[in-house]
Amino acid sequence: MTIILGNLLDNAITAVSDVPNKEIQFLFRENKGRIIISIINSYDGTVILKDNKFISRKKDAQLHGYGLKNVQRTVEKYHGTMKVTHDINYFQVQVLLYPI
């Protein structure tokens, strides 16, 4: 859970630091034995994709860009799902976990 929450919140906080409209919406809920996590944040509207994977825009990209990969790997390890969507103003990551 620390890998998932830590990386998603860190990414959201970093993204809002570059925009005047700083907004982060965070949802963490248990429903019928499932854990639902949703983080929506404002951002500058720029996304870089390579082979359908998000690429870090931080200055030293070789030391960054592992957050979403680590989240995805952890979610898959526990048989959950992760969905990433974005539009011109908001970036959203939704995670669904089935705790044992």
PDB file of N, CA and C in Angstrom:
ATOM      1  N   MET A   1       0.830  -1.191   0.000  1.00  0.00           N
ATOM      2  CA  MET A   1       0.000   0.000   0.000  1.00  0.00           C
ATOM      3  C   MET A   1       0.878   1.260   0.000  1.00  0.00           C
ATOM      4  N   THR A   2       2.018   1.185   0.681  1.00  0.00           N
ATOM      5  CA  THR A   2       2.921   2.329   0.735  1.00  0.00           C
ATOM      6  C   THR A   2       3.461   2.679  -0.652  1.00  0.00           C
ATOM      7  N   ILE A   3       3.802   1.678  -1.443  1.00  0.00           N
ATOM      8  CA  ILE A   3       4.298   1.931  -2.798  1.00  0.00           C
ATOM      9  C   ILE A   3       3.222   2.617  -3.625  1.00  0.00           C
ATOM     10  N   ILE A   4       2.005   2.133  -3.546  1.00  0.00           N
ATOM     11  CA  ILE A   4       0.910   2.688  -4.340  1.00  0.00           C
ATOM     12  C   ILE A   4       0.606   4.118  -3.913  1.00  0.00           C
ATOM     13  N   LEU A   5       0.295   4.311  -2.650  1.00  0.00           N
ATOM     14  CA  LEU A   5      -0.088   5.644  -2.179  1.00  0.00           C
ATOM     15  C   LEU A   5       1.068   6.638  -2.260  1.00  0.00           C
ATOM     16  N   GLY A   6       2.243   6.220  -1.868  1.00  0.00           N
ATOM     17  CA  GLY A   6       3.394   7.116  -1.880  1.00  0.00           C
ATOM     18  C   GLY A   6       3.698   7.645  -3.271  1.00  0.00           C
ATOM     19  N   ASN A   7       3.750   6.761  -4.251  1.00  0.00           N
ATOM     20  CA  ASN A   7       4.062   7.178  -5.613  1.00  0.00           C
ATOM     21  C   ASN A   7       2.949   8.010  -6.232  1.00  0.00           C
ATOM     22  N   LEU A   8       1.701   7.606  -6.047  1.00  0.00           N
ATOM     23  CA  LEU A   8       0.598   8.357  -6.645  1.00  0.00           C
ATOM     24  C   LEU A   8       0.472   9.754  -6.041  1.00  0.00           C
ATOM     25  N   LEU A   9       0.587   9.847  -4.734  1.00  0.00           N
ATOM     26  CA  LEU A   9       0.496  11.163  -4.102  1.00  0.00           C
ATOM     27  C   LEU A   9       1.700  12.034  -4.449  1.00  0.00           C
ATOM     28  N   ASP A  10       2.880  11.457  -4.508  1.00  0.00           N
ATOM     29  CA  ASP A  10       4.065  12.218  -4.887  1.00  0.00           C
ATOM     30  C   ASP A  10       3.925  12.765  -6.305  1.00  0.00           C
ATOM     31  N   ASN A  11       3.444  11.944  -7.223  1.00  0.00           N
ATOM     32  CA  ASN A  11       3.233  12.390  -8.602  1.00  0.00           C
ATOM     33  C   ASN A  11       2.210  13.523  -8.660  1.00  0.00           C
ATOM     34  N   ALA A  12       1.120  13.387  -7.919  1.00  0.00           N
ATOM     35  CA  ALA A  12       0.072  14.416  -7.930  1.00  0.00           C
ATOM     36  C   ALA A  12       0.596  15.735  -7.367  1.00  0.00           C
ATOM     37  N   ILE A  13       1.321  15.665  -6.277  1.00  0.00           N
ATOM     38  CA  ILE A  13       1.867  16.881  -5.655  1.00  0.00           C
ATOM     39  C   ILE A  13       2.867  17.556  -6.598  1.00  0.00           C
ATOM     40  N   THR A  14       3.700  16.775  -7.245  1.00  0.00           N
ATOM     41  CA  THR A  14       4.655  17.330  -8.202  1.00  0.00           C
ATOM     42  C   THR A  14       3.928  17.994  -9.369  1.00  0.00           C
ATOM     43  N   ALA A  15       2.882  17.361  -9.874  1.00  0.00           N
ATOM     44  CA  ALA A  15       2.147  17.898 -11.028  1.00  0.00           C
ATOM     45  C   ALA A  15       1.458  19.218 -10.711  1.00  0.00           C
ATOM     46  N   VAL A  16       0.872  19.343  -9.541  1.00  0.00           N
ATOM     47  CA  VAL A  16       0.156  20.587  -9.225  1.00  0.00           C
ATOM     48  C   VAL A  16       1.111  21.739  -8.925  1.00  0.00           C
ATOM     49  N   SER A  17       2.362  21.437  -8.656  1.00  0.00           N
ATOM     50  CA  SER A  17       3.303  22.513  -8.365  1.00  0.00           C
ATOM     51  C   SER A  17       3.569  23.384  -9.593  1.00  0.00           C
ATOM     52  N   ASP A  18       3.265  22.880 -10.775  1.00  0.00           N
ATOM     53  CA  ASP A  18       3.537  23.609 -12.018  1.00  0.00           C
ATOM     54  C   ASP A  18       2.327  24.328 -12.598  1.00  0.00           C
ATOM     55  N   VAL A  19       1.207  24.357 -11.892  1.00  0.00           N
ATOM     56  CA  VAL A  19      -0.010  24.982 -12.436  1.00  0.00           C
ATOM     57  C   VAL A  19      -0.604  25.963 -11.432  1.00  0.00           C
ATOM     58  N   PRO A  20      -1.286  26.986 -11.923  1.00  0.00           N
ATOM     59  CA  PRO A  20      -1.898  27.958 -10.999  1.00  0.00           C
ATOM     60  C   PRO A  20      -3.102  27.368 -10.259  1.00  0.00           C
ATOM     61  N   ASN A  21      -3.868  26.501 -10.909  1.00  0.00           N
ATOM     62  CA  ASN A  21      -5.044  25.874 -10.303  1.00  0.00           C
ATOM     63  C   ASN A  21      -4.624  24.557  -9.654  1.00  0.00           C
ATOM     64  N   LYS A  22      -4.191  24.621  -8.415  1.00  0.00           N
ATOM     65  CA  LYS A  22      -3.687  23.438  -7.711  1.00  0.00           C
ATOM     66  C   LYS A  22      -4.847  22.675  -7.094  1.00  0.00           C
ATOM     67  N   GLU A  23      -5.116  21.490  -7.633  1.00  0.00           N
ATOM     68  CA  GLU A  23      -6.233  20.691  -7.144  1.00  0.00           C
ATOM     69  C   GLU A  23      -5.852  19.220  -7.128  1.00  0.00           C
ATOM     70  N   ILE A  24      -6.059  18.588  -5.979  1.00  0.00           N
ATOM     71  CA  ILE A  24      -5.877  17.141  -5.847  1.00  0.00           C
ATOM     72  C   ILE A  24      -7.126  16.584  -5.170  1.00  0.00           C
ATOM     73  N   GLN A  25      -7.722  15.590  -5.804  1.00  0.00           N
ATOM     74  CA  GLN A  25      -8.852  14.880  -5.207  1.00  0.00           C
ATOM     75  C   GLN A  25      -8.375  13.468  -4.896  1.00  0.00           C
ATOM     76  N   PHE A  26      -8.602  13.030  -3.670  1.00  0.00           N
ATOM     77  CA  PHE A  26      -8.117  11.727  -3.220  1.00  0.00           C
ATOM     78  C   PHE A  26      -9.281  10.934  -2.657  1.00  0.00           C
ATOM     79  N   LEU A  27      -9.448   9.708  -3.145  1.00  0.00           N
ATOM     80  CA  LEU A  27     -10.490   8.815  -2.642  1.00  0.00           C
ATOM     81  C   LEU A  27      -9.843   7.491  -2.266  1.00  0.00           C
ATOM     82  N   PHE A  28     -10.116   7.042  -1.065  1.00  0.00           N
ATOM     83  CA  PHE A  28      -9.671   5.725  -0.596  1.00  0.00           C
ATOM     84  C   PHE A  28     -10.866   5.113   0.096  1.00  0.00           C
ATOM     85  N   ARG A  29     -11.372   4.034  -0.474  1.00  0.00           N
ATOM     86  CA  ARG A  29     -12.595   3.453   0.080  1.00  0.00           C
ATOM     87  C   ARG A  29     -12.554   1.932  -0.006  1.00  0.00           C
ATOM     88  N   GLU A  30     -13.147   1.304   0.977  1.00  0.00           N
ATOM     89  CA  GLU A  30     -13.354  -0.143   0.966  1.00  0.00           C
ATOM     90  C   GLU A  30     -14.823  -0.360   0.638  1.00  0.00           C
ATOM     91  N   ASN A  31     -15.083  -1.258  -0.308  1.00  0.00           N
ATOM     92  CA  ASN A  31     -16.455  -1.552  -0.705  1.00  0.00           C
ATOM     93  C   ASN A  31     -16.560  -3.031  -1.058  1.00  0.00           C
ATOM     94  N   LYS A  32     -17.310  -3.754  -0.263  1.00  0.00           N
ATOM     95  CA  LYS A  32     -17.539  -5.184  -0.503  1.00  0.00           C
ATOM     96  C   LYS A  32     -16.231  -5.962  -0.628  1.00  0.00           C
ATOM     97  N   GLY A  33     -15.287  -5.654   0.244  1.00  0.00           N
ATOM     98  CA  GLY A  33     -14.019  -6.369   0.268  1.00  0.00           C
ATOM     99  C   GLY A  33     -12.997  -5.870  -0.734  1.00  0.00           C
ATOM    100  N   ARG A  34     -13.327  -4.836  -1.481  1.00  0.00           N
ATOM    101  CA  ARG A  34     -12.392  -4.273  -2.458  1.00  0.00           C
ATOM    102  C   ARG A  34     -11.880  -2.930  -1.955  1.00  0.00           C
ATOM    103  N   ILE A  35     -10.665  -2.612  -2.308  1.00  0.00           N
ATOM    104  CA  ILE A  35     -10.113  -1.301  -1.989  1.00  0.00           C
ATOM    105  C   ILE A  35     -10.089  -0.483  -3.272  1.00  0.00           C
ATOM    106  N   ILE A  36     -10.674   0.693  -3.205  1.00  0.00           N
ATOM    107  CA  ILE A  36     -10.744   1.592  -4.350  1.00  0.00           C
ATOM    108  C   ILE A  36      -9.914   2.830  -4.024  1.00  0.00           C
ATOM    109  N   ILE A  37      -8.985   3.149  -4.908  1.00  0.00           N
ATOM    110  CA  ILE A  37      -8.153   4.336  -4.761  1.00  0.00           C
ATOM    111  C   ILE A  37      -8.301   5.147  -6.038  1.00  0.00           C
ATOM    112  N   SER A  38      -8.577   6.427  -5.875  1.00  0.00           N
ATOM    113  CA  SER A  38      -8.661   7.314  -7.031  1.00  0.00           C
ATOM    114  C   SER A  38      -7.962   8.620  -6.671  1.00  0.00           C
ATOM    115  N   ILE A  39      -7.051   9.036  -7.541  1.00  0.00           N
ATOM    116  CA  ILE A  39      -6.370  10.313  -7.366  1.00  0.00           C
ATOM    117  C   ILE A  39      -6.515  11.082  -8.666  1.00  0.00           C
ATOM    118  N   ILE A  40      -7.103  12.266  -8.547  1.00  0.00           N
ATOM    119  CA  ILE A  40      -7.267  13.172  -9.680  1.00  0.00           C
ATOM    120  C   ILE A  40      -6.519  14.453  -9.330  1.00  0.00           C
ATOM    121  N   ASN A  41      -5.690  14.905 -10.246  1.00  0.00           N
ATOM    122  CA  ASN A  41      -4.972  16.158  -9.990  1.00  0.00           C
ATOM    123  C   ASN A  41      -4.938  17.014 -11.242  1.00  0.00           C
ATOM    124  N   SER A  42      -4.907  18.323 -11.007  1.00  0.00           N
ATOM    125  CA  SER A  42      -4.691  19.240 -12.117  1.00  0.00           C
ATOM    126  C   SER A  42      -3.229  19.109 -12.550  1.00  0.00           C
ATOM    127  N   TYR A  43      -2.973  19.453 -13.805  1.00  0.00           N
ATOM    128  CA  TYR A  43      -1.608  19.431 -14.324  1.00  0.00           C
ATOM    129  C   TYR A  43      -1.550  20.326 -15.549  1.00  0.00           C
ATOM    130  N   ASP A  44      -0.391  20.470 -16.143  1.00  0.00           N
ATOM    131  CA  ASP A  44      -0.231  21.424 -17.241  1.00  0.00           C
ATOM    132  C   ASP A  44      -0.708  20.907 -18.593  1.00  0.00           C
ATOM    133  N   GLY A  45      -1.258  19.713 -18.642  1.00  0.00           N
ATOM    134  CA  GLY A  45      -1.824  19.179 -19.886  1.00  0.00           C
ATOM    135  C   GLY A  45      -0.840  18.477 -20.788  1.00  0.00           C
ATOM    136  N   THR A  46       0.414  18.410 -20.391  1.00  0.00           N
ATOM    137  CA  THR A  46       1.429  17.768 -21.222  1.00  0.00           C
ATOM    138  C   THR A  46       1.717  16.352 -20.722  1.00  0.00           C
ATOM    139  N   VAL A  47       1.579  15.390 -21.627  1.00  0.00           N
ATOM    140  CA  VAL A  47       1.865  13.989 -21.311  1.00  0.00           C
ATOM    141  C   VAL A  47       2.808  13.467 -22.392  1.00  0.00           C
ATOM    142  N   ILE A  48       3.840  12.751 -21.985  1.00  0.00           N
ATOM    143  CA  ILE A  48       4.747  12.119 -22.935  1.00  0.00           C
ATOM    144  C   ILE A  48       4.577  10.612 -22.815  1.00  0.00           C
ATOM    145  N   LEU A  49       4.221   9.990 -23.928  1.00  0.00           N
ATOM    146  CA  LEU A  49       4.045   8.540 -23.976  1.00  0.00           C
ATOM    147  C   LEU A  49       5.048   7.938 -24.946  1.00  0.00           C
ATOM    148  N   LYS A  50       5.597   6.786 -24.557  1.00  0.00           N
ATOM    149  CA  LYS A  50       6.461   6.011 -25.448  1.00  0.00           C
ATOM    150  C   LYS A  50       6.069   4.558 -25.274  1.00  0.00           C
ATOM    151  N   ASP A  51       5.656   3.925 -26.352  1.00  0.00           N
ATOM    152  CA  ASP A  51       5.182   2.538 -26.311  1.00  0.00           C
ATOM    153  C   ASP A  51       4.056   2.380 -25.288  1.00  0.00           C
ATOM    154  N   ASN A  52       3.132   3.348 -25.273  1.00  0.00           N
ATOM    155  CA  ASN A  52       1.985   3.357 -24.353  1.00  0.00           C
ATOM    156  C   ASN A  52       2.385   3.429 -22.883  1.00  0.00           C
ATOM    157  N   LYS A  53       3.578   3.927 -22.601  1.00  0.00           N
ATOM    158  CA  LYS A  53       4.035   4.094 -21.222  1.00  0.00           C
ATOM    159  C   LYS A  53       4.365   5.561 -20.997  1.00  0.00           C
ATOM    160  N   PHE A  54       4.057   6.032 -19.808  1.00  0.00           N
ATOM    161  CA  PHE A  54       4.304   7.422 -19.469  1.00  0.00           C
ATOM    162  C   PHE A  54       5.788   7.634 -19.206  1.00  0.00           C
ATOM    163  N   ILE A  55       6.316   8.721 -19.760  1.00  0.00           N
ATOM    164  CA  ILE A  55       7.723   9.069 -19.615  1.00  0.00           C
ATOM    165  C   ILE A  55       7.826  10.286 -18.702  1.00  0.00           C
ATOM    166  N   SER A  56       8.747  10.227 -17.766  1.00  0.00           N
ATOM    167  CA  SER A  56       8.953  11.335 -16.836  1.00  0.00           C
ATOM    168  C   SER A  56       9.426  12.576 -17.575  1.00  0.00           C
ATOM    169  N   ARG A  57       8.931  13.730 -17.137  1.00  0.00           N
ATOM    170  CA  ARG A  57       9.358  15.016 -17.690  1.00  0.00           C
ATOM    171  C   ARG A  57      10.327  15.727 -16.751  1.00  0.00           C
ATOM    172  N   LYS A  58      10.725  15.076 -15.684  1.00  0.00           N
ATOM    173  CA  LYS A  58      11.662  15.695 -14.746  1.00  0.00           C
ATOM    174  C   LYS A  58      13.021  15.852 -15.412  1.00  0.00           C
ATOM    175  N   LYS A  59      13.783  16.827 -14.934  1.00  0.00           N
ATOM    176  CA  LYS A  59      15.052  17.172 -15.577  1.00  0.00           C
ATOM    177  C   LYS A  59      15.999  15.987 -15.690  1.00  0.00           C
ATOM    178  N   ASP A  60      16.143  15.206 -14.654  1.00  0.00           N
ATOM    179  CA  ASP A  60      17.014  14.031 -14.680  1.00  0.00           C
ATOM    180  C   ASP A  60      16.136  12.791 -14.811  1.00  0.00           C
ATOM    181  N   ALA A  61      15.609  12.570 -15.998  1.00  0.00           N
ATOM    182  CA  ALA A  61      14.623  11.512 -16.240  1.00  0.00           C
ATOM    183  C   ALA A  61      15.167  10.111 -15.955  1.00  0.00           C
ATOM    184  N   GLN A  62      16.479   9.926 -16.012  1.00  0.00           N
ATOM    185  CA  GLN A  62      17.026   8.596 -15.738  1.00  0.00           C
ATOM    186  C   GLN A  62      16.874   8.209 -14.272  1.00  0.00           C
ATOM    187  N   LEU A  63      16.765   9.198 -13.400  1.00  0.00           N
ATOM    188  CA  LEU A  63      16.572   8.919 -11.978  1.00  0.00           C
ATOM    189  C   LEU A  63      15.104   8.944 -11.596  1.00  0.00           C
ATOM    190  N   HIS A  64      14.226   9.273 -12.543  1.00  0.00           N
ATOM    191  CA  HIS A  64      12.806   9.387 -12.282  1.00  0.00           C
ATOM    192  C   HIS A  64      12.037   8.545 -13.293  1.00  0.00           C
ATOM    193  N   GLY A  65      10.721   8.514 -13.133  1.00  0.00           N
ATOM    194  CA  GLY A  65       9.893   7.799 -14.097  1.00  0.00           C
ATOM    195  C   GLY A  65       9.563   6.374 -13.683  1.00  0.00           C
ATOM    196  N   TYR A  66       9.837   6.034 -12.440  1.00  0.00           N
ATOM    197  CA  TYR A  66       9.574   4.677 -11.974  1.00  0.00           C
ATOM    198  C   TYR A  66       8.290   4.581 -11.145  1.00  0.00           C
ATOM    199  N   GLY A  67       7.717   5.728 -10.779  1.00  0.00           N
ATOM    200  CA  GLY A  67       6.565   5.733  -9.882  1.00  0.00           C
ATOM    201  C   GLY A  67       5.378   4.955 -10.410  1.00  0.00           C
ATOM    202  N   LEU A  68       4.876   5.319 -11.590  1.00  0.00           N
ATOM    203  CA  LEU A  68       3.718   4.610 -12.145  1.00  0.00           C
ATOM    204  C   LEU A  68       4.048   3.156 -12.476  1.00  0.00           C
ATOM    205  N   LYS A  69       5.286   2.900 -12.897  1.00  0.00           N
ATOM    206  CA  LYS A  69       5.696   1.515 -13.166  1.00  0.00           C
ATOM    207  C   LYS A  69       5.648   0.690 -11.880  1.00  0.00           C
ATOM    208  N   ASN A  70       6.152   1.262 -10.791  1.00  0.00           N
ATOM    209  CA  ASN A  70       6.123   0.547  -9.509  1.00  0.00           C
ATOM    210  C   ASN A  70       4.698   0.335  -9.021  1.00  0.00           C
ATOM    211  N   VAL A  71       3.845   1.338  -9.215  1.00  0.00           N
ATOM    212  CA  VAL A  71       2.437   1.187  -8.829  1.00  0.00           C
ATOM    213  C   VAL A  71       1.813   0.060  -9.643  1.00  0.00           C
ATOM    214  N   GLN A  72       1.994   0.083 -10.966  1.00  0.00           N
ATOM    215  CA  GLN A  72       1.414  -0.948 -11.833  1.00  0.00           C
ATOM    216  C   GLN A  72       1.896  -2.343 -11.438  1.00  0.00           C
ATOM    217  N   ARG A  73       3.188  -2.474 -11.197  1.00  0.00           N
ATOM    218  CA  ARG A  73       3.761  -3.762 -10.812  1.00  0.00           C
ATOM    219  C   ARG A  73       3.167  -4.261  -9.487  1.00  0.00           C
ATOM    220  N   THR A  74       3.013  -3.357  -8.532  1.00  0.00           N
ATOM    221  CA  THR A  74       2.454  -3.730  -7.233  1.00  0.00           C
ATOM    222  C   THR A  74       0.984  -4.102  -7.355  1.00  0.00           C
ATOM    223  N   VAL A  75       0.239  -3.341  -8.124  1.00  0.00           N
ATOM    224  CA  VAL A  75      -1.185  -3.632  -8.334  1.00  0.00           C
ATOM    225  C   VAL A  75      -1.335  -5.008  -8.983  1.00  0.00           C
ATOM    226  N   GLU A  76      -0.541  -5.294  -9.998  1.00  0.00           N
ATOM    227  CA  GLU A  76      -0.611  -6.598 -10.668  1.00  0.00           C
ATOM    228  C   GLU A  76      -0.208  -7.736  -9.734  1.00  0.00           C
ATOM    229  N   LYS A  77       0.770  -7.487  -8.889  1.00  0.00           N
ATOM    230  CA  LYS A  77       1.227  -8.513  -7.940  1.00  0.00           C
ATOM    231  C   LYS A  77       0.084  -8.975  -7.044  1.00  0.00           C
ATOM    232  N   TYR A  78      -0.807  -8.039  -6.701  1.00  0.00           N
ATOM    233  CA  TYR A  78      -1.929  -8.370  -5.835  1.00  0.00           C
ATOM    234  C   TYR A  78      -3.235  -8.515  -6.604  1.00  0.00           C
ATOM    235  N   HIS A  79      -3.110  -8.812  -7.908  1.00  0.00           N
ATOM    236  CA  HIS A  79      -4.246  -9.151  -8.777  1.00  0.00           C
ATOM    237  C   HIS A  79      -5.287  -8.044  -8.863  1.00  0.00           C
ATOM    238  N   GLY A  80      -4.828  -6.810  -8.824  1.00  0.00           N
ATOM    239  CA  GLY A  80      -5.723  -5.666  -8.952  1.00  0.00           C
ATOM    240  C   GLY A  80      -5.665  -5.090 -10.353  1.00  0.00           C
ATOM    241  N   THR A  81      -6.324  -3.971 -10.528  1.00  0.00           N
ATOM    242  CA  THR A  81      -6.310  -3.277 -11.809  1.00  0.00           C
ATOM    243  C   THR A  81      -5.965  -1.815 -11.592  1.00  0.00           C
ATOM    244  N   MET A  82      -5.371  -1.213 -12.618  1.00  0.00           N
ATOM    245  CA  MET A  82      -5.031   0.202 -12.576  1.00  0.00           C
ATOM    246  C   MET A  82      -5.427   0.815 -13.904  1.00  0.00           C
ATOM    247  N   LYS A  83      -6.056   1.977 -13.821  1.00  0.00           N
ATOM    248  CA  LYS A  83      -6.493   2.693 -15.024  1.00  0.00           C
ATOM    249  C   LYS A  83      -5.992   4.134 -14.925  1.00  0.00           C
ATOM    250  N   VAL A  84      -5.351   4.599 -15.980  1.00  0.00           N
ATOM    251  CA  VAL A  84      -4.845   5.972 -16.034  1.00  0.00           C
ATOM    252  C   VAL A  84      -5.568   6.697 -17.164  1.00  0.00           C
ATOM    253  N   THR A  85      -6.152   7.839 -16.841  1.00  0.00           N
ATOM    254  CA  THR A  85      -6.809   8.668 -17.847  1.00  0.00           C
ATOM    255  C   THR A  85      -6.356  10.113 -17.663  1.00  0.00           C
ATOM    256  N   HIS A  86      -6.502  10.890 -18.722  1.00  0.00           N
ATOM    257  CA  HIS A  86      -6.146  12.299 -18.635  1.00  0.00           C
ATOM    258  C   HIS A  86      -6.868  13.074 -19.719  1.00  0.00           C
ATOM    259  N   ASP A  87      -7.069  14.349 -19.434  1.00  0.00           N
ATOM    260  CA  ASP A  87      -7.546  15.283 -20.437  1.00  0.00           C
ATOM    261  C   ASP A  87      -6.647  16.507 -20.364  1.00  0.00           C
ATOM    262  N   ILE A  88      -7.065  17.594 -20.916  1.00  0.00           N
ATOM    263  CA  ILE A  88      -6.210  18.783 -20.982  1.00  0.00           C
ATOM    264  C   ILE A  88      -5.950  19.416 -19.607  1.00  0.00           C
ATOM    265  N   ASN A  89      -6.846  19.166 -18.618  1.00  0.00           N
ATOM    266  CA  ASN A  89      -6.728  19.800 -17.307  1.00  0.00           C
ATOM    267  C   ASN A  89      -6.425  18.842 -16.153  1.00  0.00           C
ATOM    268  N   TYR A  90      -6.861  17.591 -16.277  1.00  0.00           N
ATOM    269  CA  TYR A  90      -6.773  16.666 -15.140  1.00  0.00           C
ATOM    270  C   TYR A  90      -6.155  15.334 -15.532  1.00  0.00           C
ATOM    271  N   PHE A  91      -5.406  14.788 -14.587  1.00  0.00           N
ATOM    272  CA  PHE A  91      -4.770  13.478 -14.713  1.00  0.00           C
ATOM    273  C   PHE A  91      -5.357  12.608 -13.611  1.00  0.00           C
ATOM    274  N   GLN A  92      -5.789  11.385 -13.945  1.00  0.00           N
ATOM    275  CA  GLN A  92      -6.438  10.536 -12.956  1.00  0.00           C
ATOM    276  C   GLN A  92      -5.852   9.121 -12.995  1.00  0.00           C
ATOM    277  N   VAL A  93      -5.637   8.580 -11.807  1.00  0.00           N
ATOM    278  CA  VAL A  93      -5.227   7.183 -11.659  1.00  0.00           C
ATOM    279  C   VAL A  93      -6.240   6.521 -10.733  1.00  0.00           C
ATOM    280  N   GLN A  94      -6.806   5.396 -11.200  1.00  0.00           N
ATOM    281  CA  GLN A  94      -7.746   4.620 -10.404  1.00  0.00           C
ATOM    282  C   GLN A  94      -7.152   3.240 -10.183  1.00  0.00           C
ATOM    283  N   VAL A  95      -7.213   2.783  -8.955  1.00  0.00           N
ATOM    284  CA  VAL A  95      -6.700   1.462  -8.591  1.00  0.00           C
ATOM    285  C   VAL A  95      -7.797   0.706  -7.881  1.00  0.00           C
ATOM    286  N   LEU A  96      -7.925  -0.561  -8.241  1.00  0.00           N
ATOM    287  CA  LEU A  96      -8.879  -1.464  -7.593  1.00  0.00           C
ATOM    288  C   LEU A  96      -8.101  -2.678  -7.117  1.00  0.00           C
ATOM    289  N   LEU A  97      -8.157  -2.926  -5.813  1.00  0.00           N
ATOM    290  CA  LEU A  97      -7.447  -4.052  -5.206  1.00  0.00           C
ATOM    291  C   LEU A  97      -8.424  -5.002  -4.529  1.00  0.00           C
ATOM    292  N   TYR A  98      -8.072  -6.272  -4.544  1.00  0.00           N
ATOM    293  CA  TYR A  98      -8.872  -7.290  -3.871  1.00  0.00           C
ATOM    294  C   TYR A  98      -8.012  -7.893  -2.759  1.00  0.00           C
ATOM    295  N   PRO A  99      -8.105  -7.330  -1.545  1.00  0.00           N
ATOM    296  CA  PRO A  99      -7.263  -7.825  -0.450  1.00  0.00           C
ATOM    297  C   PRO A  99      -7.535  -9.303  -0.141  1.00  0.00           C
ATOM    298  N   ILE A 100      -6.492  -9.943   0.308  1.00  0.00           N
ATOM    299  CA  ILE A 100      -6.611 -11.358   0.673  1.00  0.00           C
ATOM    300  C   ILE A 100      -7.090 -11.484   2.087  1.00  0.00           C
TER     301      ILE A 100
END
